[in-house]
Each structure stands twice: as C-alpha cells, then as structure tokens.
Amino acid sequence: MLTNLAKLSVTRGVSQTVTNALKPAAVGAAKADSKTASAAGQIPVGTVTSGSTLPRGNIRVISGVTGATQIRFAHTDIQTPDFSDYRREQVKRPNARNDSADDRAAFTYLLVGGAAVSTAYVAKSLVSTFISSMSASADVLAMSKIEIKLGDIPEGKSMTFKWRGKPLFIRHRTAQEIESEQSVAVATLRDPQNDAERVQKPEWLVVIGVCTHLGCVPIANAGDFGGYYCPCHGSHYDASGRIRKGPAPLNLEVPYYEFPQEGLLVVG
C-alpha cells in the first residue's frame, strides 16, 4: 500500500503543471496502476484518485518567455455607429477646414427655428379653435345684454333687474347723494375707490346686487350709510356701492355698461 502511495505522489509531481492562476490546472496523462484498473480499462473515481488530480498547497505562477502570465477579457473590434449618411459632403473628409462652420450652424438654426415657428402657429390655431368652440354662441351673447329705459326710474330710487341670473341694482342718485359720496375720504375705505371710478354719469349707479361676503342680496336704501344693507351678516354699503361697515371685503361689483343714447342704458 505504501508503495502505491509513493508512486501516486511521484506521478502527481511530474504530470501536473500550473502556469496561470486564472486557468484550471492541467492534468497530465498519468500511467494507470494495473492493480486499480477495472475490466473496462477505466480508473475508478475515489478519494485517493480524485485527490491525486487536485493541486495542493499554494499556487505558484511561473513567468517566462513561454509562460502566459495574463489573459485579456476585452476585445478591440467594437462596432461604432456610422453617421456618414447624415453628414454633409463637405465635412466627410477628415482634412476639411472649419471655415464653413458658422454657415452650417446658421443653416441648422434657421431650419430648427422655422420648424418651431410653424409648430407654434399650428398649435395656436388648434388651441384657438378648441377654446372658441367652448365659448357662448351668438344667441346666448345676445341674451346676455339688457336694455333699460332710464326714464322709468325716478330720482332717489333704486330698481332691481335680472341680468345673467343675478340681481342688478340701478340707482338714480340725487344731487345730495352725489355730493356726499364724492366727499368721502378714500383713505378711510376698506376697498379704496373714488366715486368717479365707479360711475360713468354721476346720477346713475349700476352695480351687481350680490354681497361680496357670502353672496346674499343686499337691501336698497337701508343701512347706516343710506346705500345698501346685507341682512345676512350686517354689511353696510354707501350710495356708491362701497363697503363701509361689516365683514364684506370688497365693494359691490360694477358690470360693463354703456349709454348708447340719451335715456337708454345697455348692460353687458
């Protein structure tokens, strides 16, 4: 048995060579022992035989003329993309000069700018068409205007009309009311506005009758300032529709209106 182990040790020493730690060990063709060979001529795999083919101890690297010491896992045959089909003829040559760079850049900028302007114009047309389709039709706009004969409103009175589903207050102010509202100090107002900014003609006040606090309808010719009073939360407006007292933050809204002729008022 000792003789067999000695033979295996000698065989392992002369038949195995380790030239690179990155490569598996090269196993030489060792001479089979006649006592361990099977009938088919194959060496049975066991603890002794498999152990004799594996390297033992520290791995040594031998560097020499005929010994490989490194392996490259990279290659230099990378396929780079070719953009020759997209390049201009004058810049395909490697020795082309850079004198025409500004001209070529200007052409590119002009092309991109023209495309951007065209796209913006088309987008603007589409958006305008889409928005105009949601606007009110001509018959609805015609109903949004009302004509009021001012001769039906006596001086010192305020009348209520319905306009776009909201109450509309039209007040025929007296000379005393006009003088009183024009003399109010604007700095003392919560929402400072001169009386001249809220009326086109001093004797006519046109406001929307919706309280700017929570949307209640004020009462005309009431309140501490003789204009309008909101019974919901106690907001007081003067004869110019300006908030003077109470929780309302803003003055009564003044709609668009005009006087197309004497004695006729058109709102809207």
C-alpha atoms as a PDB file:
ATOM      1  CA  MET A   1       0.000   0.000   0.000  1.00  0.00           C
ATOM      2  CA  LEU A   2       2.864   2.368   0.852  1.00  0.00           C
ATOM      3  CA  THR A   3       4.438   1.562  -2.491  1.00  0.00           C
ATOM      4  CA  ASN A   4       1.239   2.619  -4.319  1.00  0.00           C
ATOM      5  CA  LEU A   5       1.033   5.939  -2.427  1.00  0.00           C
ATOM      6  CA  ALA A   6       4.661   6.668  -3.259  1.00  0.00           C
ATOM      7  CA  LYS A   7       4.003   6.003  -6.933  1.00  0.00           C
ATOM      8  CA  LEU A   8       0.964   8.306  -6.924  1.00  0.00           C
ATOM      9  CA  SER A   9       2.955  11.081  -5.259  1.00  0.00           C
ATOM     10  CA  VAL A  10       5.739  10.833  -7.815  1.00  0.00           C
ATOM     11  CA  THR A  11       3.231  10.735 -10.677  1.00  0.00           C
ATOM     12  CA  ARG A  12       1.463  13.887  -9.407  1.00  0.00           C
ATOM     13  CA  GLY A  13       4.717  15.786  -9.175  1.00  0.00           C
ATOM     14  CA  VAL A  14       5.813  15.118 -12.723  1.00  0.00           C
ATOM     15  CA  SER A  15       2.457  15.216 -14.560  1.00  0.00           C
ATOM     16  CA  GLN A  16       0.848  18.496 -13.287  1.00  0.00           C
ATOM     17  CA  THR A  17       1.951  21.990 -14.213  1.00  0.00           C
ATOM     18  CA  VAL A  18       0.354  25.278 -13.058  1.00  0.00           C
ATOM     19  CA  THR A  19       1.219  28.161 -15.413  1.00  0.00           C
ATOM     20  CA  ASN A  20      -1.562  30.603 -14.582  1.00  0.00           C
ATOM     21  CA  ALA A  21      -3.783  31.047 -11.525  1.00  0.00           C
ATOM     22  CA  LEU A  22      -6.680  32.086 -13.757  1.00  0.00           C
ATOM     23  CA  LYS A  23      -6.675  28.813 -15.681  1.00  0.00           C
ATOM     24  CA  PRO A  24      -7.645  25.418 -14.301  1.00  0.00           C
ATOM     25  CA  ALA A  25      -4.876  23.021 -13.522  1.00  0.00           C
ATOM     26  CA  ALA A  26      -3.702  20.924 -16.475  1.00  0.00           C
ATOM     27  CA  VAL A  27      -3.839  17.265 -15.635  1.00  0.00           C
ATOM     28  CA  GLY A  28      -1.363  15.083 -17.477  1.00  0.00           C
ATOM     29  CA  ALA A  29      -1.941  11.530 -18.531  1.00  0.00           C
ATOM     30  CA  ALA A  30      -0.594   9.523 -15.630  1.00  0.00           C
ATOM     31  CA  LYS A  31       0.171   5.861 -16.013  1.00  0.00           C
ATOM     32  CA  ALA A  32      -2.583   3.779 -14.526  1.00  0.00           C
ATOM     33  CA  ASP A  33      -1.753   1.173 -11.955  1.00  0.00           C
ATOM     34  CA  SER A  34      -2.592  -2.290 -13.119  1.00  0.00           C
ATOM     35  CA  LYS A  35      -3.924  -3.161  -9.690  1.00  0.00           C
ATOM     36  CA  THR A  36      -6.532  -0.332  -9.672  1.00  0.00           C
ATOM     37  CA  ALA A  37      -7.618  -0.605 -13.322  1.00  0.00           C
ATOM     38  CA  SER A  38     -11.051  -2.082 -13.913  1.00  0.00           C
ATOM     39  CA  ALA A  39     -12.026  -4.574 -16.516  1.00  0.00           C
ATOM     40  CA  ALA A  40     -13.086  -1.822 -18.922  1.00  0.00           C
ATOM     41  CA  GLY A  41      -9.732  -0.051 -18.601  1.00  0.00           C
ATOM     42  CA  GLN A  42     -11.158   2.959 -16.628  1.00  0.00           C
ATOM     43  CA  ILE A  43      -9.739   4.324 -13.397  1.00  0.00           C
ATOM     44  CA  PRO A  44     -12.439   4.332 -10.698  1.00  0.00           C
ATOM     45  CA  VAL A  45     -13.092   7.679  -9.088  1.00  0.00           C
ATOM     46  CA  GLY A  46     -12.441   7.631  -5.388  1.00  0.00           C
ATOM     47  CA  THR A  47     -10.941   9.611  -2.556  1.00  0.00           C
ATOM     48  CA  VAL A  48      -7.394   8.644  -3.426  1.00  0.00           C
ATOM     49  CA  THR A  49      -7.652   9.077  -7.208  1.00  0.00           C
ATOM     50  CA  SER A  50      -9.592  12.392  -7.204  1.00  0.00           C
ATOM     51  CA  GLY A  51      -7.346  13.795  -4.552  1.00  0.00           C
ATOM     52  CA  SER A  52      -4.299  12.988  -6.582  1.00  0.00           C
ATOM     53  CA  THR A  53      -5.529  15.156  -9.511  1.00  0.00           C
ATOM     54  CA  LEU A  54      -6.207  18.349  -7.486  1.00  0.00           C
ATOM     55  CA  PRO A  55      -3.487  20.915  -6.713  1.00  0.00           C
ATOM     56  CA  ARG A  56      -2.301  21.077  -3.139  1.00  0.00           C
ATOM     57  CA  GLY A  57      -0.528  23.835  -1.263  1.00  0.00           C
ATOM     58  CA  ASN A  58      -0.009  27.395  -2.539  1.00  0.00           C
ATOM     59  CA  ILE A  59      -0.471  28.127  -6.245  1.00  0.00           C
ATOM     60  CA  ARG A  60       2.696  29.342  -7.933  1.00  0.00           C
ATOM     61  CA  VAL A  61       2.863  31.459 -11.061  1.00  0.00           C
ATOM     62  CA  ILE A  62       5.844  30.930 -13.337  1.00  0.00           C
ATOM     63  CA  SER A  63       6.748  33.873 -15.550  1.00  0.00           C
ATOM     64  CA  GLY A  64       8.918  33.280 -18.545  1.00  0.00           C
ATOM     65  CA  VAL A  65       9.268  33.525 -22.287  1.00  0.00           C
ATOM     66  CA  THR A  66       6.984  30.593 -22.925  1.00  0.00           C
ATOM     67  CA  GLY A  67       4.690  31.021 -19.926  1.00  0.00           C
ATOM     68  CA  ALA A  68       1.493  33.111 -20.050  1.00  0.00           C
ATOM     69  CA  THR A  69       1.074  35.483 -17.114  1.00  0.00           C
ATOM     70  CA  GLN A  70      -2.141  37.333 -18.064  1.00  0.00           C
ATOM     71  CA  ILE A  71      -5.318  36.885 -20.020  1.00  0.00           C
ATOM     72  CA  ARG A  72      -7.265  39.706 -21.732  1.00  0.00           C
ATOM     73  CA  PHE A  73     -11.008  39.618 -21.396  1.00  0.00           C
ATOM     74  CA  ALA A  74     -11.605  42.615 -23.721  1.00  0.00           C
ATOM     75  CA  HIS A  75     -11.630  42.981 -27.450  1.00  0.00           C
ATOM     76  CA  THR A  76     -10.978  45.879 -29.779  1.00  0.00           C
ATOM     77  CA  ASP A  77     -13.372  45.004 -32.584  1.00  0.00           C
ATOM     78  CA  ILE A  78     -16.232  47.194 -31.265  1.00  0.00           C
ATOM     79  CA  GLN A  79     -18.769  48.213 -33.895  1.00  0.00           C
ATOM     80  CA  THR A  80     -19.011  52.011 -33.760  1.00  0.00           C
ATOM     81  CA  PRO A  81     -22.030  53.719 -35.363  1.00  0.00           C
ATOM     82  CA  ASP A  82     -21.507  55.334 -38.737  1.00  0.00           C
ATOM     83  CA  PHE A  83     -23.275  58.655 -39.325  1.00  0.00           C
ATOM     84  CA  SER A  84     -21.927  59.215 -42.805  1.00  0.00           C
ATOM     85  CA  ASP A  85     -25.434  59.209 -44.271  1.00  0.00           C
ATOM     86  CA  TYR A  86     -26.372  62.184 -42.076  1.00  0.00           C
ATOM     87  CA  ARG A  87     -23.238  64.254 -42.579  1.00  0.00           C
ATOM     88  CA  ARG A  88     -22.754  66.871 -45.238  1.00  0.00           C
ATOM     89  CA  GLU A  89     -20.448  66.123 -48.112  1.00  0.00           C
ATOM     90  CA  GLN A  90     -18.042  68.930 -47.262  1.00  0.00           C
ATOM     91  CA  VAL A  91     -17.396  67.602 -43.752  1.00  0.00           C
ATOM     92  CA  LYS A  92     -16.945  63.921 -44.601  1.00  0.00           C
ATOM     93  CA  ARG A  93     -13.304  64.469 -45.421  1.00  0.00           C
ATOM     94  CA  PRO A  94     -11.013  64.289 -42.369  1.00  0.00           C
ATOM     95  CA  ASN A  95      -8.967  67.240 -43.610  1.00  0.00           C
ATOM     96  CA  ALA A  96     -11.978  69.536 -44.114  1.00  0.00           C
ATOM     97  CA  ARG A  97     -11.468  73.088 -42.878  1.00  0.00           C
ATOM     98  CA  ASN A  98     -13.611  74.778 -40.253  1.00  0.00           C
ATOM     99  CA  ASP A  99     -14.233  77.918 -42.276  1.00  0.00           C
ATOM    100  CA  SER A 100     -17.822  76.987 -43.119  1.00  0.00           C
ATOM    101  CA  ALA A 101     -18.792  76.061 -39.541  1.00  0.00           C
ATOM    102  CA  ASP A 102     -20.711  79.301 -38.960  1.00  0.00           C
ATOM    103  CA  ASP A 103     -22.635  78.960 -42.216  1.00  0.00           C
ATOM    104  CA  ARG A 104     -23.553  75.378 -41.466  1.00  0.00           C
ATOM    105  CA  ALA A 105     -24.616  76.277 -37.922  1.00  0.00           C
ATOM    106  CA  ALA A 106     -26.729  79.176 -39.212  1.00  0.00           C
ATOM    107  CA  PHE A 107     -28.494  76.875 -41.654  1.00  0.00           C
ATOM    108  CA  THR A 108     -29.215  74.395 -38.865  1.00  0.00           C
ATOM    109  CA  TYR A 109     -30.554  77.127 -36.574  1.00  0.00           C
ATOM    110  CA  LEU A 110     -32.694  78.514 -39.383  1.00  0.00           C
ATOM    111  CA  LEU A 111     -34.161  75.105 -40.093  1.00  0.00           C
ATOM    112  CA  VAL A 112     -34.925  74.392 -36.438  1.00  0.00           C
ATOM    113  CA  GLY A 113     -36.315  77.891 -35.873  1.00  0.00           C
ATOM    114  CA  GLY A 114     -38.600  77.648 -38.893  1.00  0.00           C
ATOM    115  CA  ALA A 115     -39.924  74.305 -37.728  1.00  0.00           C
ATOM    116  CA  ALA A 116     -40.520  75.696 -34.225  1.00  0.00           C
ATOM    117  CA  VAL A 117     -42.404  78.741 -35.529  1.00  0.00           C
ATOM    118  CA  SER A 118     -44.556  76.587 -37.807  1.00  0.00           C
ATOM    119  CA  THR A 119     -45.350  74.213 -34.967  1.00  0.00           C
ATOM    120  CA  ALA A 120     -46.264  77.090 -32.656  1.00  0.00           C
ATOM    121  CA  TYR A 121     -48.555  78.607 -35.295  1.00  0.00           C
ATOM    122  CA  VAL A 122     -50.363  75.321 -35.877  1.00  0.00           C
ATOM    123  CA  ALA A 123     -50.676  74.733 -32.126  1.00  0.00           C
ATOM    124  CA  LYS A 124     -52.035  78.251 -31.641  1.00  0.00           C
ATOM    125  CA  SER A 125     -54.667  77.691 -34.331  1.00  0.00           C
ATOM    126  CA  LEU A 126     -55.734  74.391 -32.793  1.00  0.00           C
ATOM    127  CA  VAL A 127     -55.960  75.868 -29.295  1.00  0.00           C
ATOM    128  CA  SER A 128     -57.901  78.894 -30.544  1.00  0.00           C
ATOM    129  CA  THR A 129     -60.355  76.653 -32.374  1.00  0.00           C
ATOM    130  CA  PHE A 130     -60.800  74.454 -29.314  1.00  0.00           C
ATOM    131  CA  ILE A 131     -61.342  77.388 -26.956  1.00  0.00           C
ATOM    132  CA  SER A 132     -63.718  79.186 -29.314  1.00  0.00           C
ATOM    133  CA  SER A 133     -65.843  76.043 -29.520  1.00  0.00           C
ATOM    134  CA  MET A 134     -66.468  76.308 -25.774  1.00  0.00           C
ATOM    135  CA  SER A 135     -67.427  79.999 -25.821  1.00  0.00           C
ATOM    136  CA  ALA A 136     -71.000  81.181 -25.779  1.00  0.00           C
ATOM    137  CA  SER A 137     -72.914  81.227 -29.035  1.00  0.00           C
ATOM    138  CA  ALA A 138     -74.307  84.358 -30.654  1.00  0.00           C
ATOM    139  CA  ASP A 139     -77.840  83.848 -29.316  1.00  0.00           C
ATOM    140  CA  VAL A 140     -76.542  83.403 -25.775  1.00  0.00           C
ATOM    141  CA  LEU A 141     -74.456  86.550 -26.073  1.00  0.00           C
ATOM    142  CA  ALA A 142     -77.476  88.436 -27.343  1.00  0.00           C
ATOM    143  CA  MET A 143     -79.435  87.406 -24.252  1.00  0.00           C
ATOM    144  CA  SER A 144     -76.547  88.486 -22.006  1.00  0.00           C
ATOM    145  CA  LYS A 145     -77.293  92.137 -22.734  1.00  0.00           C
ATOM    146  CA  ILE A 146     -80.268  94.028 -21.437  1.00  0.00           C
ATOM    147  CA  GLU A 147     -81.589  97.458 -22.335  1.00  0.00           C
ATOM    148  CA  ILE A 148     -83.103  99.638 -19.645  1.00  0.00           C
ATOM    149  CA  LYS A 149     -85.048 102.844 -20.135  1.00  0.00           C
ATOM    150  CA  LEU A 150     -83.765 105.247 -17.538  1.00  0.00           C
ATOM    151  CA  GLY A 151     -86.934 107.348 -17.663  1.00  0.00           C
ATOM    152  CA  ASP A 152     -88.730 104.592 -15.725  1.00  0.00           C
ATOM    153  CA  ILE A 153     -86.502 105.070 -12.653  1.00  0.00           C
ATOM    154  CA  PRO A 154     -87.426 108.135 -10.552  1.00  0.00           C
ATOM    155  CA  GLU A 155     -84.765 110.208  -8.840  1.00  0.00           C
ATOM    156  CA  GLY A 156     -83.708 108.937  -5.424  1.00  0.00           C
ATOM    157  CA  LYS A 157     -84.919 105.403  -6.117  1.00  0.00           C
ATOM    158  CA  SER A 158     -83.126 102.114  -6.815  1.00  0.00           C
ATOM    159  CA  MET A 159     -84.632  99.425  -9.018  1.00  0.00           C
ATOM    160  CA  THR A 160     -83.626  95.765  -9.341  1.00  0.00           C
ATOM    161  CA  PHE A 161     -83.340  93.893 -12.640  1.00  0.00           C
ATOM    162  CA  LYS A 162     -82.276  90.358 -13.515  1.00  0.00           C
ATOM    163  CA  TRP A 163     -79.105  90.103 -15.579  1.00  0.00           C
ATOM    164  CA  ARG A 164     -77.312  86.799 -16.300  1.00  0.00           C
ATOM    165  CA  GLY A 165     -79.125  85.187 -13.408  1.00  0.00           C
ATOM    166  CA  LYS A 166     -78.008  87.856 -10.929  1.00  0.00           C
ATOM    167  CA  PRO A 167     -79.780  90.863  -9.415  1.00  0.00           C
ATOM    168  CA  LEU A 168     -78.745  94.172 -10.948  1.00  0.00           C
ATOM    169  CA  PHE A 169     -79.143  97.410  -8.959  1.00  0.00           C
ATOM    170  CA  ILE A 170     -79.647 100.657 -10.887  1.00  0.00           C
ATOM    171  CA  ARG A 171     -79.851 103.739  -8.686  1.00  0.00           C
ATOM    172  CA  HIS A 172     -80.897 107.222  -9.755  1.00  0.00           C
ATOM    173  CA  ARG A 173     -78.947 109.320  -7.300  1.00  0.00           C
ATOM    174  CA  THR A 174     -79.914 112.771  -6.083  1.00  0.00           C
ATOM    175  CA  ALA A 175     -77.570 115.755  -6.077  1.00  0.00           C
ATOM    176  CA  GLN A 176     -77.185 115.430  -2.305  1.00  0.00           C
ATOM    177  CA  GLU A 177     -76.128 111.767  -2.620  1.00  0.00           C
ATOM    178  CA  ILE A 178     -73.637 112.611  -5.368  1.00  0.00           C
ATOM    179  CA  GLU A 179     -72.047 115.348  -3.268  1.00  0.00           C
ATOM    180  CA  SER A 180     -71.933 113.127  -0.186  1.00  0.00           C
ATOM    181  CA  GLU A 181     -70.231 110.219  -1.960  1.00  0.00           C
ATOM    182  CA  GLN A 182     -67.708 112.405  -3.762  1.00  0.00           C
ATOM    183  CA  SER A 183     -66.595 113.965  -0.476  1.00  0.00           C
ATOM    184  CA  VAL A 184     -65.714 110.649   1.211  1.00  0.00           C
ATOM    185  CA  ALA A 185     -62.020 110.282   2.130  1.00  0.00           C
ATOM    186  CA  VAL A 186     -60.742 107.353   0.101  1.00  0.00           C
ATOM    187  CA  ALA A 187     -58.051 106.537   2.687  1.00  0.00           C
ATOM    188  CA  THR A 188     -60.739 105.567   5.194  1.00  0.00           C
ATOM    189  CA  LEU A 189     -62.284 102.928   2.922  1.00  0.00           C
ATOM    190  CA  ARG A 190     -61.598  99.210   3.167  1.00  0.00           C
ATOM    191  CA  ASP A 191     -61.635  98.853  -0.621  1.00  0.00           C
ATOM    192  CA  PRO A 192     -60.486 102.347  -1.658  1.00  0.00           C
ATOM    193  CA  GLN A 193     -62.195 103.676  -4.781  1.00  0.00           C
ATOM    194  CA  ASN A 194     -63.247 107.154  -5.786  1.00  0.00           C
ATOM    195  CA  ASP A 195     -66.860 107.700  -6.687  1.00  0.00           C
ATOM    196  CA  ALA A 196     -65.803 108.830 -10.165  1.00  0.00           C
ATOM    197  CA  GLU A 197     -64.162 105.428 -10.754  1.00  0.00           C
ATOM    198  CA  ARG A 198     -67.443 103.599 -10.174  1.00  0.00           C
ATOM    199  CA  VAL A 199     -69.856 105.652 -12.268  1.00  0.00           C
ATOM    200  CA  GLN A 200     -69.875 106.967 -15.836  1.00  0.00           C
ATOM    201  CA  LYS A 201     -72.557 109.522 -15.116  1.00  0.00           C
ATOM    202  CA  PRO A 202     -72.753 110.875 -11.555  1.00  0.00           C
ATOM    203  CA  GLU A 203     -76.521 110.485 -11.316  1.00  0.00           C
ATOM    204  CA  TRP A 204     -76.560 106.795 -12.288  1.00  0.00           C
ATOM    205  CA  LEU A 205     -75.084 103.957 -10.234  1.00  0.00           C
ATOM    206  CA  VAL A 206     -75.021 100.471 -11.775  1.00  0.00           C
ATOM    207  CA  VAL A 207     -73.849  97.577  -9.564  1.00  0.00           C
ATOM    208  CA  ILE A 208     -74.461  93.839  -9.214  1.00  0.00           C
ATOM    209  CA  GLY A 209     -76.648  93.175  -6.199  1.00  0.00           C
ATOM    210  CA  VAL A 210     -74.571  90.369  -4.668  1.00  0.00           C
ATOM    211  CA  CYS A 211     -72.828  90.906  -1.338  1.00  0.00           C
ATOM    212  CA  THR A 212     -69.088  90.328  -1.612  1.00  0.00           C
ATOM    213  CA  HIS A 213     -69.051  88.485   1.707  1.00  0.00           C
ATOM    214  CA  LEU A 214     -71.101  85.321   1.139  1.00  0.00           C
ATOM    215  CA  GLY A 215     -73.308  86.184  -1.831  1.00  0.00           C
ATOM    216  CA  CYS A 216     -76.501  87.412  -0.194  1.00  0.00           C
ATOM    217  CA  VAL A 217     -78.694  90.069  -1.834  1.00  0.00           C
ATOM    218  CA  PRO A 218     -78.486  93.432  -0.054  1.00  0.00           C
ATOM    219  CA  ILE A 219     -81.482  95.656   0.644  1.00  0.00           C
ATOM    220  CA  ALA A 220     -81.591  99.031  -1.134  1.00  0.00           C
ATOM    221  CA  ASN A 221     -81.999 102.348   0.697  1.00  0.00           C
ATOM    222  CA  ALA A 222     -81.018 100.797   4.027  1.00  0.00           C
ATOM    223  CA  GLY A 223     -78.053 100.642   6.362  1.00  0.00           C
ATOM    224  CA  ASP A 224     -76.014 103.218   8.259  1.00  0.00           C
ATOM    225  CA  PHE A 225     -74.851 104.960   5.086  1.00  0.00           C
ATOM    226  CA  GLY A 226     -78.116 105.144   3.133  1.00  0.00           C
ATOM    227  CA  GLY A 227     -77.000 102.856   0.336  1.00  0.00           C
ATOM    228  CA  TYR A 228     -77.395  99.074   0.644  1.00  0.00           C
ATOM    229  CA  TYR A 229     -77.528  96.746   3.626  1.00  0.00           C
ATOM    230  CA  CYS A 230     -76.903  92.979   3.666  1.00  0.00           C
ATOM    231  CA  PRO A 231     -79.210  91.336   6.239  1.00  0.00           C
ATOM    232  CA  CYS A 232     -77.206  88.091   6.363  1.00  0.00           C
ATOM    233  CA  HIS A 233     -74.138  89.330   8.256  1.00  0.00           C
ATOM    234  CA  GLY A 234     -74.615  93.080   8.507  1.00  0.00           C
ATOM    235  CA  SER A 235     -72.516  94.580   5.717  1.00  0.00           C
ATOM    236  CA  HIS A 236     -73.228  98.264   5.039  1.00  0.00           C
ATOM    237  CA  TYR A 237     -72.639  99.883   1.628  1.00  0.00           C
ATOM    238  CA  ASP A 238     -72.954 103.554   0.735  1.00  0.00           C
ATOM    239  CA  ALA A 239     -74.782 105.103  -2.242  1.00  0.00           C
ATOM    240  CA  SER A 240     -71.731 104.362  -4.414  1.00  0.00           C
ATOM    241  CA  GLY A 241     -71.794 100.645  -3.601  1.00  0.00           C
ATOM    242  CA  ARG A 242     -68.613 100.823  -1.474  1.00  0.00           C
ATOM    243  CA  ILE A 243     -68.259  98.718   1.657  1.00  0.00           C
ATOM    244  CA  ARG A 244     -68.237 100.932   4.757  1.00  0.00           C
ATOM    245  CA  LYS A 245     -69.009  98.577   7.627  1.00  0.00           C
ATOM    246  CA  GLY A 246     -69.361  94.829   8.218  1.00  0.00           C
ATOM    247  CA  PRO A 247     -67.499  91.679   7.148  1.00  0.00           C
ATOM    248  CA  ALA A 248     -67.653  92.173   3.357  1.00  0.00           C
ATOM    249  CA  PRO A 249     -64.108  92.576   1.985  1.00  0.00           C
ATOM    250  CA  LEU A 250     -64.844  94.342  -1.326  1.00  0.00           C
ATOM    251  CA  ASN A 251     -67.171  96.864  -2.898  1.00  0.00           C
ATOM    252  CA  LEU A 252     -70.174  95.799  -4.946  1.00  0.00           C
ATOM    253  CA  GLU A 253     -69.112  94.783  -8.445  1.00  0.00           C
ATOM    254  CA  VAL A 254     -69.670  97.231 -11.279  1.00  0.00           C
ATOM    255  CA  PRO A 255     -70.530  95.454 -14.572  1.00  0.00           C
ATOM    256  CA  TYR A 256     -69.728  96.703 -18.028  1.00  0.00           C
ATOM    257  CA  TYR A 257     -72.371  99.084 -19.309  1.00  0.00           C
ATOM    258  CA  GLU A 258     -72.769 101.961 -21.737  1.00  0.00           C
ATOM    259  CA  PHE A 259     -75.173 104.701 -22.712  1.00  0.00           C
ATOM    260  CA  PRO A 260     -75.774 104.300 -26.464  1.00  0.00           C
ATOM    261  CA  GLN A 261     -78.208 107.192 -26.470  1.00  0.00           C
ATOM    262  CA  GLU A 262     -79.825 109.577 -24.063  1.00  0.00           C
ATOM    263  CA  GLY A 263     -82.211 107.848 -21.671  1.00  0.00           C
ATOM    264  CA  LEU A 264     -81.078 104.306 -22.620  1.00  0.00           C
ATOM    265  CA  LEU A 265     -78.735 102.040 -20.672  1.00  0.00           C
ATOM    266  CA  VAL A 266     -77.251  98.809 -22.053  1.00  0.00           C
ATOM    267  CA  VAL A 267     -75.628  96.420 -19.570  1.00  0.00           C
ATOM    268  CA  GLY A 268     -73.297  93.687 -20.832  1.00  0.00           C
END
